């Protein structure tokens, strides 16, 4: 094994783009077309997303990054005196540098969770504070599928949670940066992995694209200014076709689910190898992320060969993320480093 540190498990963002995505970008790079999302490719990509999720009346827009997609979705749902609820490990809370708060002015409040899975009753305390002018007014709750700790909302749990939120006049956003991994793991129709959510971020960057995530607005009446938010934060790309062409390629013949399923399989193999070596997992491996408890010596040895992320600085947990490009050899090499005996 060489001395170069590999980024094979650093993140699914570290993987290159799928060859069919590169081909789609090259094919889109011919002639002049309308800008700012008015080109034919963008309309075809939006229609492909509607078809995939069986949401014919949804509005669809595109952003360059997943963080921007989340900010666009959340900021367009609230007024500055309102409140966005999320899990205690939500990307929008911990990894977006306060972007949703800065852009919306609304309060972002964490709810206790089980690896990002939130019980419906955790909404009660905030719902009960509605009314008095002294309190921020809860308006939307954002959940992540699959969660930041690699867990998956089952269709039943998702339905129970979203129904409960809707019964209490809360909108629901699904952060789907890894939604394809959840769909592939559940082996369900895409609509079943998002339930009756009002707005959904559809990830592309983590699943084989160069850049780009989509926002699918299933109830546009609750997000009337969303395209102004997209423009204000600089994510109405002038050469929009180079985002949408990638989505066209990924959605064609379900390539997005094939790449996600491969990443999930690699994570399952890595997870099984760790368990067989006597290591403890910090969370069940349900999609394409593996969270393992390693002592300081093993962690130091791993970092000599692989760039990996410590998901919680207060716990000895190391995250390995598999992607569409992860190979059996990558998995074998990681296991050899982690458990050399």
Foldseek 3Di string as FASTA:
>chain_A
DDQDADAQFAALLPDAFDPLLVVLLVVLPDDDAAWLQPGPLSVVLQCLVCVLQVQNPKDKDKFFALLLLVLLVLLLQDALLAEEEFAPQACCPPPNVCSNCVSRNHHYYHFYDDLQQHQQCSCVVQLVPPDDSVHHHYAEYEGEAVGPSQHAQALVSLQVNCVSCVVSNHAYEYSYLPLLQNCLLNVDRSNSRNDPHQKYKHHDSSARHVTMIMIIGSPCVSRVCSVVSCVVVPGSGGHCSSHSSSSVSCSVVVVSNVFQNQLLVLQVLLQVLCVVLVWDWPDDNRGNKTKTADDPVLVVQSSSHYNWDDSDPVGRIIMTGHTSPDDPVNSVVSSCSNRVD
